[in-house]
Amino acid sequence: MNHRDTTRIHARLRRLPTRTPPAILLGTGSTNDLSFLRSLGRRGVPAVHLVADRLLGSYSGYGVRVRMPAVEEEPATWLAMLDLVAAALHTPAVLFALSDQHCAFVAHHAERLRRGGFRFVVPDVATVETILDKRRQYGAAEDAGITVPLTFYPESVDELRSLAATLRYPVILKPYTAHVGRPRIGNRKVVVVDGADDLIAAFATCTASGARFMVQTIVAGEDDAIFWYSGFWDEQGRERAWFTVQKLRQFPRGFGDGCLQRTVEMPAVLEQSRRLLAAFRYRGLVMVEFKRNPIDGECALIEINPRTVSGNQLGITAGVDLPWITYRHLIDDDGAPAAPPAFRPDVQYVNEEWDPLAFWESRRAGTLTLGAWLRSLRGTRALAVFAWDDPRPLLVGLWRFVLRCLRGPGERLRPLSRRRS
């Protein structure tokens, strides 16, 4: 960043209102970012959005947007920018890390950032590293008595060959570290393979760059067998807020992001999430995902994320506004434990960017008709992208959808907003 850019950004920051502590959002521009920008912006909290990707949330009208390189590639640039932010602001700011890589960045530089006046709650470095490495995450979960899917960790193609012949297919290849491995597989969560030869070939391709991948059996059940917990745990390890959600539809099907979801009471997921987070001595915002086997009803851990996720707006609409709760805690907490606010069950959420793609994918597979899709949207109260007071993200999404359609059916099922520009 040159001197001219630095001067311009400094001037913009100095113009922010001075009476309210600002929020600094470190993110990718996802709908998770968007939920934070809108929650805080509507309450008059000035926000600075340091954003690495051009996802729809990066086009919000709320906040001062600063385009940044990838934090994992240029952490020094992010530190320099945060130094600039700290120097320019009139009051200490609240810092939110909205992606895995940003959470790791803040944890690793926590002491320096606190010296700069930033207020935040994130897990410590050891916890973040354990969570982001799924092999270590699953090991810690099993030590806490949590069920995980049957998983294998071959270290080489030769080691995989003897394993591949013994497996029941299909199975999935899954990266140890999501933000490292997913770029190797088209930004998907997993690769589904149907036979030994395909597994060996896919593993060789995925690991050629040095990224590490595991082989995992698939937990039985459709998309609606997936449930997740999201919450905020304070510096003393007290649960300050939470809600639980059932996925109804994902994109891509089976192993994607929730595009139709609803809040539900799910005691088993709540109890296991609390037990797991207590074992981790967890601090900060978090999401824990499970899949319930329809045969025996057992819930298996899918993943922990040290942050909120793309469906965070659902919790806000249902009465648990994690951005605002966390912000208020950090600026004026009196230390007294507060009863977590109750969420409203059966609040339905749709991601307007991904759900039409999920419908198209299911329609091609013959599993969802147009009428059934439209009926499934009835009663939706929470939207990921559209807001009357912040229309630009939806307009950008519509333009991208038009471009996707013009490029043909193959492009239609690849969400442009997930690619780094």
Protein backbone atom coordinates (compact mmCIF):
# COMPACT_ATOMS: atom_id res chain seq x y z
CA MET A 1 0.00 0.00 0.00
CA ASN A 2 1.52 3.31 -1.08
CA HIS A 3 1.66 6.58 0.82
CA ARG A 4 -1.25 8.05 -1.10
CA ASP A 5 -3.52 5.11 -0.21
CA THR A 6 -2.45 5.27 3.42
CA THR A 7 -3.18 8.99 3.61
CA ARG A 8 -6.62 8.52 2.02
CA ILE A 9 -7.58 5.70 4.38
CA HIS A 10 -6.33 7.63 7.41
CA ALA A 11 -8.47 10.60 6.41
CA ARG A 12 -11.57 8.41 6.04
CA LEU A 13 -11.00 6.85 9.46
CA ARG A 14 -10.57 10.24 11.12
CA ARG A 15 -14.03 11.22 9.86
CA LEU A 16 -15.75 8.37 11.72
CA PRO A 17 -18.05 9.42 14.60
CA THR A 18 -16.16 9.75 17.87
CA ARG A 19 -18.84 9.10 20.50
CA THR A 20 -19.30 5.37 19.80
CA PRO A 21 -16.43 2.84 19.84
CA PRO A 22 -16.04 1.53 16.28
CA ALA A 23 -16.05 -2.11 15.18
CA ILE A 24 -13.24 -3.45 13.01
CA LEU A 25 -14.31 -6.45 10.94
CA LEU A 26 -11.65 -8.74 9.48
CA GLY A 27 -13.30 -10.89 6.85
CA THR A 28 -13.76 -12.21 3.35
CA GLY A 29 -16.98 -10.38 2.47
CA SER A 30 -19.22 -13.38 3.10
CA THR A 31 -22.83 -13.19 4.28
CA ASN A 32 -21.37 -13.67 7.77
CA ASP A 33 -19.57 -10.33 7.34
CA LEU A 34 -22.78 -8.83 6.00
CA SER A 35 -24.75 -9.85 9.11
CA PHE A 36 -22.20 -8.07 11.33
CA LEU A 37 -22.13 -4.91 9.22
CA ARG A 38 -25.91 -4.59 9.27
CA SER A 39 -26.41 -5.52 12.92
CA LEU A 40 -23.88 -2.97 14.15
CA GLY A 41 -24.52 -0.32 11.49
CA ARG A 42 -28.24 -0.16 12.22
CA ARG A 43 -27.37 0.62 15.83
CA GLY A 44 -25.10 3.48 14.85
CA VAL A 45 -21.83 1.65 15.45
CA PRO A 46 -19.22 2.89 12.93
CA ALA A 47 -17.50 -0.06 11.23
CA VAL A 48 -14.29 -0.55 9.29
CA HIS A 49 -14.42 -3.60 7.03
CA LEU A 50 -10.99 -4.98 6.13
CA VAL A 51 -11.86 -7.46 3.42
CA ALA A 52 -9.80 -9.78 1.26
CA ASP A 53 -12.36 -11.17 -1.21
CA ARG A 54 -15.11 -9.72 -3.35
CA LEU A 55 -17.99 -11.74 -1.95
CA LEU A 56 -21.41 -10.11 -1.71
CA GLY A 57 -20.94 -8.87 1.84
CA SER A 58 -18.04 -6.71 0.71
CA TYR A 59 -20.51 -4.50 -1.20
CA SER A 60 -22.55 -3.45 1.82
CA GLY A 61 -23.32 0.22 2.21
CA TYR A 62 -22.55 -0.03 5.91
CA GLY A 63 -19.04 0.67 7.12
CA VAL A 64 -15.80 1.92 5.61
CA ARG A 65 -14.49 -0.77 3.26
CA VAL A 66 -10.74 -1.29 2.79
CA ARG A 67 -9.62 -3.88 0.24
CA MET A 68 -6.80 -6.07 1.49
CA PRO A 69 -4.65 -8.98 0.25
CA ALA A 70 -5.17 -12.47 1.68
CA VAL A 71 -4.21 -12.41 5.35
CA GLU A 72 -2.45 -15.77 5.19
CA GLU A 73 -0.25 -14.45 2.38
CA GLU A 74 0.53 -10.97 3.73
CA PRO A 75 0.00 -10.85 7.51
CA ALA A 76 2.47 -7.95 7.83
CA THR A 77 0.23 -5.82 5.60
CA TRP A 78 -2.73 -6.51 7.89
CA LEU A 79 -0.72 -5.64 10.98
CA ALA A 80 0.40 -2.39 9.37
CA MET A 81 -3.19 -1.55 8.46
CA LEU A 82 -4.40 -2.25 11.99
CA ASP A 83 -1.62 -0.02 13.33
CA LEU A 84 -2.89 2.70 11.02
CA VAL A 85 -6.48 2.11 12.17
CA ALA A 86 -5.49 2.26 15.84
CA ALA A 87 -3.58 5.52 15.29
CA ALA A 88 -6.41 7.15 13.36
CA LEU A 89 -9.34 6.27 15.60
CA HIS A 90 -10.43 8.49 18.47
CA THR A 91 -11.53 5.62 20.76
CA PRO A 92 -10.40 1.99 21.22
CA ALA A 93 -12.15 -0.32 18.78
CA VAL A 94 -13.81 -3.73 19.04
CA LEU A 95 -12.19 -6.30 16.75
CA PHE A 96 -14.06 -9.18 15.09
CA ALA A 97 -12.35 -12.02 13.20
CA LEU A 98 -14.91 -13.44 10.77
CA SER A 99 -13.02 -16.27 9.05
CA ASP A 100 -10.76 -19.12 10.11
CA GLN A 101 -7.62 -17.45 8.82
CA HIS A 102 -8.49 -14.13 10.47
CA CYS A 103 -9.15 -15.85 13.79
CA ALA A 104 -5.72 -17.50 13.57
CA PHE A 105 -4.16 -14.13 12.68
CA VAL A 106 -5.71 -12.38 15.69
CA ALA A 107 -4.79 -15.22 18.06
CA HIS A 108 -1.16 -15.18 16.92
CA HIS A 109 -0.87 -11.40 17.26
CA ALA A 110 -3.17 -10.93 20.26
CA GLU A 111 -0.63 -9.21 22.51
CA ARG A 112 0.35 -6.65 19.88
CA LEU A 113 -3.28 -5.95 18.97
CA ARG A 114 -4.27 -5.44 22.59
CA ARG A 115 -1.38 -3.02 23.02
CA GLY A 116 -2.87 -1.14 20.08
CA GLY A 117 -6.09 -0.69 22.04
CA PHE A 118 -8.24 -3.30 20.28
CA ARG A 119 -10.80 -5.21 22.33
CA PHE A 120 -11.67 -8.77 21.30
CA VAL A 121 -12.30 -12.32 22.48
CA VAL A 122 -10.78 -15.17 20.49
CA PRO A 123 -9.48 -18.61 21.50
CA ASP A 124 -5.80 -18.83 22.40
CA VAL A 125 -3.26 -19.94 19.80
CA ALA A 126 -3.18 -23.58 20.93
CA THR A 127 -6.97 -23.88 20.77
CA VAL A 128 -7.20 -22.19 17.37
CA GLU A 129 -4.51 -24.44 15.91
CA THR A 130 -6.20 -27.56 17.31
CA ILE A 131 -9.57 -26.55 15.88
CA LEU A 132 -8.26 -25.55 12.44
CA ASP A 133 -6.39 -28.86 12.03
CA LYS A 134 -9.28 -31.30 11.77
CA ARG A 135 -7.14 -34.29 12.66
CA ARG A 136 -6.28 -32.65 15.97
CA GLN A 137 -9.85 -31.36 16.34
CA TYR A 138 -11.32 -34.85 15.98
CA GLY A 139 -8.76 -36.29 18.38
CA ALA A 140 -9.63 -33.72 21.04
CA ALA A 141 -13.36 -34.34 20.46
CA GLU A 142 -12.95 -38.09 20.94
CA ASP A 143 -11.00 -37.44 24.15
CA ALA A 144 -14.04 -35.44 25.34
CA GLY A 145 -16.36 -38.37 24.57
CA ILE A 146 -17.82 -36.89 21.36
CA THR A 147 -18.58 -39.20 18.44
CA VAL A 148 -16.76 -38.42 15.18
CA PRO A 149 -17.14 -40.07 11.75
CA LEU A 150 -14.81 -42.99 11.04
CA THR A 151 -11.73 -41.26 9.63
CA PHE A 152 -8.35 -42.37 8.26
CA TYR A 153 -5.19 -40.30 7.92
CA PRO A 154 -2.93 -41.82 5.25
CA GLU A 155 0.43 -40.08 4.98
CA SER A 156 1.19 -41.18 1.42
CA VAL A 157 -0.33 -42.70 -1.70
CA ASP A 158 1.40 -45.99 -0.91
CA GLU A 159 -0.19 -46.07 2.53
CA LEU A 160 -3.57 -45.27 1.00
CA ARG A 161 -3.40 -48.16 -1.48
CA SER A 162 -3.72 -50.82 1.20
CA LEU A 163 -6.52 -48.89 2.91
CA ALA A 164 -8.51 -48.15 -0.25
CA ALA A 165 -9.33 -51.80 -0.94
CA THR A 166 -10.95 -52.20 2.50
CA LEU A 167 -13.35 -49.24 2.41
CA ARG A 168 -17.07 -49.12 1.67
CA TYR A 169 -17.78 -46.47 -0.94
CA PRO A 170 -18.58 -43.67 -1.44
CA VAL A 171 -16.18 -41.91 0.94
CA ILE A 172 -14.95 -38.34 1.11
CA LEU A 173 -11.57 -36.66 0.93
CA LYS A 174 -11.45 -33.75 3.36
CA PRO A 175 -8.61 -31.28 4.00
CA TYR A 176 -7.04 -31.15 7.44
CA THR A 177 -7.12 -27.34 7.28
CA ALA A 178 -10.04 -25.90 5.32
CA HIS A 179 -8.57 -22.61 4.09
CA VAL A 180 -5.39 -24.42 2.98
CA GLY A 181 -6.97 -27.45 1.31
CA ARG A 182 -10.15 -26.11 -0.26
CA PRO A 183 -8.40 -24.08 -2.98
CA ARG A 184 -6.97 -27.44 -4.17
CA ILE A 185 -10.49 -28.83 -4.71
CA GLY A 186 -12.28 -25.91 -6.33
CA ASN A 187 -13.22 -24.26 -3.01
CA ARG A 188 -15.46 -27.20 -2.15
CA LYS A 189 -15.60 -28.65 1.36
CA VAL A 190 -14.89 -32.23 0.31
CA VAL A 191 -14.36 -34.52 -2.68
CA VAL A 192 -16.74 -37.49 -2.93
CA VAL A 193 -15.16 -40.61 -4.46
CA ASP A 194 -16.91 -43.82 -5.50
CA GLY A 195 -14.10 -46.36 -5.75
CA ALA A 196 -10.56 -47.28 -4.79
CA ASP A 197 -8.91 -46.15 -8.03
CA ASP A 198 -10.71 -42.80 -7.94
CA LEU A 199 -9.73 -42.33 -4.30
CA ILE A 200 -6.05 -42.96 -4.96
CA ALA A 201 -6.02 -40.64 -7.97
CA ALA A 202 -7.87 -37.86 -6.15
CA PHE A 203 -5.65 -38.16 -3.07
CA ALA A 204 -2.51 -37.91 -5.20
CA THR A 205 -3.82 -34.79 -6.93
CA CYS A 206 -5.03 -33.11 -3.72
CA THR A 207 -1.81 -33.69 -1.79
CA ALA A 208 0.64 -32.89 -4.61
CA SER A 209 1.07 -29.33 -3.33
CA GLY A 210 1.75 -30.45 0.22
CA ALA A 211 -1.80 -29.94 1.54
CA ARG A 212 -2.92 -32.76 3.83
CA PHE A 213 -6.18 -34.66 3.31
CA MET A 214 -8.03 -37.29 5.33
CA VAL A 215 -10.35 -40.07 4.18
CA GLN A 216 -13.70 -40.12 5.96
CA THR A 217 -16.79 -42.29 5.86
CA ILE A 218 -20.10 -40.55 5.13
CA VAL A 219 -22.57 -40.26 7.99
CA ALA A 220 -25.98 -41.52 6.84
CA GLY A 221 -28.75 -39.00 6.32
CA GLU A 222 -29.80 -36.18 4.01
CA ASP A 223 -29.11 -32.48 4.38
CA ASP A 224 -31.88 -32.10 6.97
CA ALA A 225 -29.96 -34.44 9.33
CA ILE A 226 -27.38 -31.68 9.90
CA PHE A 227 -27.69 -29.44 12.96
CA TRP A 228 -25.47 -26.70 14.33
CA TYR A 229 -24.93 -24.66 17.43
CA SER A 230 -23.60 -21.09 17.46
CA GLY A 231 -22.70 -19.09 20.53
CA PHE A 232 -20.49 -16.60 22.35
CA TRP A 233 -18.28 -17.63 25.28
CA ASP A 234 -16.67 -14.81 27.25
CA GLU A 235 -13.15 -14.44 28.67
CA GLN A 236 -14.06 -16.52 31.73
CA GLY A 237 -15.51 -19.34 29.65
CA ARG A 238 -19.14 -18.44 30.37
CA GLU A 239 -21.71 -19.03 27.65
CA ARG A 240 -23.31 -15.62 27.05
CA ALA A 241 -25.58 -16.47 24.10
CA TRP A 242 -26.47 -19.38 21.81
CA PHE A 243 -28.95 -20.80 19.33
CA THR A 244 -29.35 -24.07 17.42
CA VAL A 245 -30.24 -24.62 13.78
CA GLN A 246 -31.33 -27.41 11.42
CA LYS A 247 -30.15 -27.33 7.83
CA LEU A 248 -32.93 -28.12 5.35
CA ARG A 249 -31.03 -27.63 2.11
CA GLN A 250 -27.38 -27.07 1.17
CA PHE A 251 -25.43 -25.99 -1.85
CA PRO A 252 -23.74 -28.06 -3.08
CA ARG A 253 -26.00 -30.91 -1.96
CA GLY A 254 -24.63 -33.13 0.76
CA PHE A 255 -21.48 -31.19 1.58
CA GLY A 256 -22.11 -27.49 1.19
CA ASP A 257 -23.28 -24.34 2.89
CA GLY A 258 -26.77 -24.11 4.34
CA CYS A 259 -29.06 -22.21 1.99
CA LEU A 260 -32.42 -23.12 3.61
CA GLN A 261 -32.31 -23.46 7.40
CA ARG A 262 -34.43 -22.97 10.51
CA THR A 263 -33.93 -22.51 14.22
CA VAL A 264 -34.87 -25.57 16.28
CA GLU A 265 -34.64 -26.82 19.84
CA MET A 266 -32.02 -29.58 19.68
CA PRO A 267 -31.00 -30.65 23.21
CA ALA A 268 -28.51 -33.32 22.09
CA VAL A 269 -26.58 -30.85 19.92
CA LEU A 270 -26.69 -28.23 22.67
CA GLU A 271 -25.39 -30.63 25.34
CA GLN A 272 -22.60 -32.04 23.18
CA SER A 273 -21.54 -28.59 21.95
CA ARG A 274 -21.29 -27.32 25.52
CA ARG A 275 -19.33 -30.38 26.62
CA LEU A 276 -16.95 -30.05 23.71
CA LEU A 277 -16.38 -26.31 24.14
CA ALA A 278 -15.83 -26.72 27.88
CA ALA A 279 -13.19 -29.36 27.13
CA PHE A 280 -11.47 -26.89 24.80
CA ARG A 281 -11.71 -24.14 27.46
CA TYR A 282 -13.21 -22.15 24.62
CA ARG A 283 -13.41 -18.35 24.39
CA GLY A 284 -15.10 -16.25 21.69
CA LEU A 285 -17.64 -16.75 18.92
CA VAL A 286 -18.08 -20.31 17.70
CA MET A 287 -20.09 -22.73 15.58
CA VAL A 288 -20.28 -26.52 16.10
CA GLU A 289 -21.89 -28.76 13.48
CA PHE A 290 -23.22 -32.30 13.90
CA LYS A 291 -24.98 -34.83 11.70
CA ARG A 292 -27.62 -37.10 13.23
CA ASN A 293 -27.65 -40.65 11.90
CA PRO A 294 -31.31 -41.45 11.07
CA ILE A 295 -30.72 -45.13 11.85
CA ASP A 296 -29.57 -44.89 15.46
CA GLY A 297 -30.10 -41.18 16.23
CA GLU A 298 -26.46 -40.68 17.21
CA CYS A 299 -24.96 -37.27 16.48
CA ALA A 300 -21.46 -37.22 14.97
CA LEU A 301 -19.28 -34.13 14.96
CA ILE A 302 -18.74 -32.67 11.49
CA GLU A 303 -16.66 -29.63 12.45
CA ILE A 304 -16.00 -26.76 14.82
CA ASN A 305 -15.49 -23.25 13.43
CA PRO A 306 -13.82 -20.62 15.68
CA ARG A 307 -16.23 -17.95 14.45
CA THR A 308 -19.80 -17.45 13.31
CA VAL A 309 -20.84 -18.70 9.87
CA SER A 310 -22.75 -17.72 6.74
CA GLY A 311 -26.15 -18.33 8.41
CA ASN A 312 -25.48 -15.95 11.30
CA GLN A 313 -28.34 -13.69 10.18
CA LEU A 314 -30.75 -16.48 11.17
CA GLY A 315 -29.77 -16.12 14.83
CA ILE A 316 -30.12 -12.34 14.63
CA THR A 317 -33.63 -12.59 13.20
CA ALA A 318 -34.55 -15.23 15.80
CA GLY A 319 -33.55 -12.93 18.67
CA VAL A 320 -29.92 -13.82 19.38
CA ASP A 321 -27.82 -11.06 17.84
CA LEU A 322 -24.30 -12.37 18.41
CA PRO A 323 -22.54 -9.34 16.86
CA TRP A 324 -24.38 -6.90 19.11
CA ILE A 325 -24.16 -9.11 22.23
CA THR A 326 -20.41 -9.51 21.75
CA TYR A 327 -19.88 -5.81 21.03
CA ARG A 328 -21.83 -4.72 24.12
CA HIS A 329 -19.92 -7.20 26.27
CA LEU A 330 -16.59 -5.82 25.11
CA ILE A 331 -17.40 -2.14 25.59
CA ASP A 332 -19.37 -2.07 28.85
CA ASP A 333 -19.46 -5.46 30.55
CA ASP A 334 -19.74 -5.18 34.33
CA GLY A 335 -18.49 -8.71 34.90
CA ALA A 336 -21.84 -10.04 36.10
CA PRO A 337 -23.03 -13.20 34.33
CA ALA A 338 -26.14 -12.61 32.27
CA ALA A 339 -28.79 -15.15 31.36
CA PRO A 340 -28.46 -16.00 27.65
CA PRO A 341 -31.30 -14.52 25.57
CA ALA A 342 -33.77 -17.08 24.28
CA PHE A 343 -34.06 -17.62 20.53
CA ARG A 344 -37.35 -18.10 18.72
CA PRO A 345 -37.70 -21.60 17.21
CA ASP A 346 -39.02 -22.27 13.70
CA VAL A 347 -37.60 -19.08 12.20
CA GLN A 348 -36.69 -19.94 8.60
CA TYR A 349 -33.75 -18.50 6.67
CA VAL A 350 -32.82 -18.58 3.01
CA ASN A 351 -29.65 -17.57 1.21
CA GLU A 352 -30.98 -15.98 -1.98
CA GLU A 353 -27.70 -16.46 -3.81
CA TRP A 354 -27.17 -20.16 -3.10
CA ASP A 355 -30.70 -21.55 -2.81
CA PRO A 356 -31.65 -21.03 -6.50
CA LEU A 357 -28.45 -22.90 -7.37
CA ALA A 358 -29.40 -25.68 -4.95
CA PHE A 359 -32.81 -25.89 -6.64
CA TRP A 360 -31.23 -26.07 -10.08
CA GLU A 361 -28.85 -28.81 -8.93
CA SER A 362 -31.69 -30.82 -7.34
CA ARG A 363 -33.96 -30.32 -10.33
CA ARG A 364 -31.30 -31.73 -12.64
CA ALA A 365 -31.00 -34.71 -10.30
CA GLY A 366 -34.79 -35.18 -10.32
CA THR A 367 -35.18 -34.70 -6.57
CA LEU A 368 -36.95 -31.31 -6.41
CA THR A 369 -39.66 -29.78 -8.56
CA LEU A 370 -40.28 -26.07 -9.04
CA GLY A 371 -43.53 -26.27 -7.08
CA ALA A 372 -41.93 -28.09 -4.15
CA TRP A 373 -39.09 -25.58 -4.07
CA LEU A 374 -41.45 -22.59 -4.00
CA ARG A 375 -43.54 -24.20 -1.26
CA SER A 376 -40.41 -24.78 0.82
CA LEU A 377 -39.75 -21.03 0.86
CA ARG A 378 -43.09 -20.14 2.44
CA GLY A 379 -42.78 -18.50 5.82
CA THR A 380 -39.16 -17.43 5.36
CA ARG A 381 -38.35 -14.56 7.72
CA ALA A 382 -34.56 -14.27 7.54
CA LEU A 383 -32.69 -13.39 4.35
CA ALA A 384 -28.95 -13.65 3.87
CA VAL A 385 -28.47 -10.96 1.22
CA PHE A 386 -31.44 -8.64 0.68
CA ALA A 387 -32.25 -5.67 2.91
CA TRP A 388 -34.20 -2.55 2.00
CA ASP A 389 -31.68 -0.33 3.74
CA ASP A 390 -28.70 -2.04 2.09
CA PRO A 391 -29.66 -3.17 -1.44
CA ARG A 392 -26.28 -3.20 -3.16
CA PRO A 393 -25.21 -6.78 -2.19
CA LEU A 394 -28.35 -8.19 -3.81
CA LEU A 395 -27.90 -6.07 -6.94
CA VAL A 396 -24.34 -7.33 -7.31
CA GLY A 397 -25.58 -10.88 -6.76
CA LEU A 398 -28.24 -10.52 -9.46
CA TRP A 399 -25.67 -9.19 -11.91
CA ARG A 400 -23.38 -12.12 -11.18
CA PHE A 401 -26.29 -14.53 -11.64
CA VAL A 402 -27.01 -13.06 -15.07
CA LEU A 403 -23.35 -13.47 -16.03
CA ARG A 404 -23.38 -17.04 -14.73
CA CYS A 405 -26.45 -17.91 -16.82
CA LEU A 406 -24.93 -16.35 -19.93
CA ARG A 407 -21.87 -18.58 -19.50
CA GLY A 408 -23.96 -21.73 -19.68
CA PRO A 409 -25.27 -24.56 -17.47
CA GLY A 410 -21.81 -25.60 -16.28
CA GLU A 411 -21.16 -22.16 -14.79
CA ARG A 412 -24.65 -21.90 -13.33
CA LEU A 413 -23.82 -24.31 -10.54
CA ARG A 414 -20.57 -22.59 -9.58
CA PRO A 415 -21.23 -19.61 -7.25
CA LEU A 416 -19.06 -16.77 -8.51
CA SER A 417 -19.14 -14.95 -5.20
CA ARG A 418 -17.07 -17.69 -3.57
CA ARG A 419 -14.07 -17.09 -5.82
CA ARG A 420 -11.29 -14.74 -4.96
CA SER A 421 -11.12 -11.94 -7.49
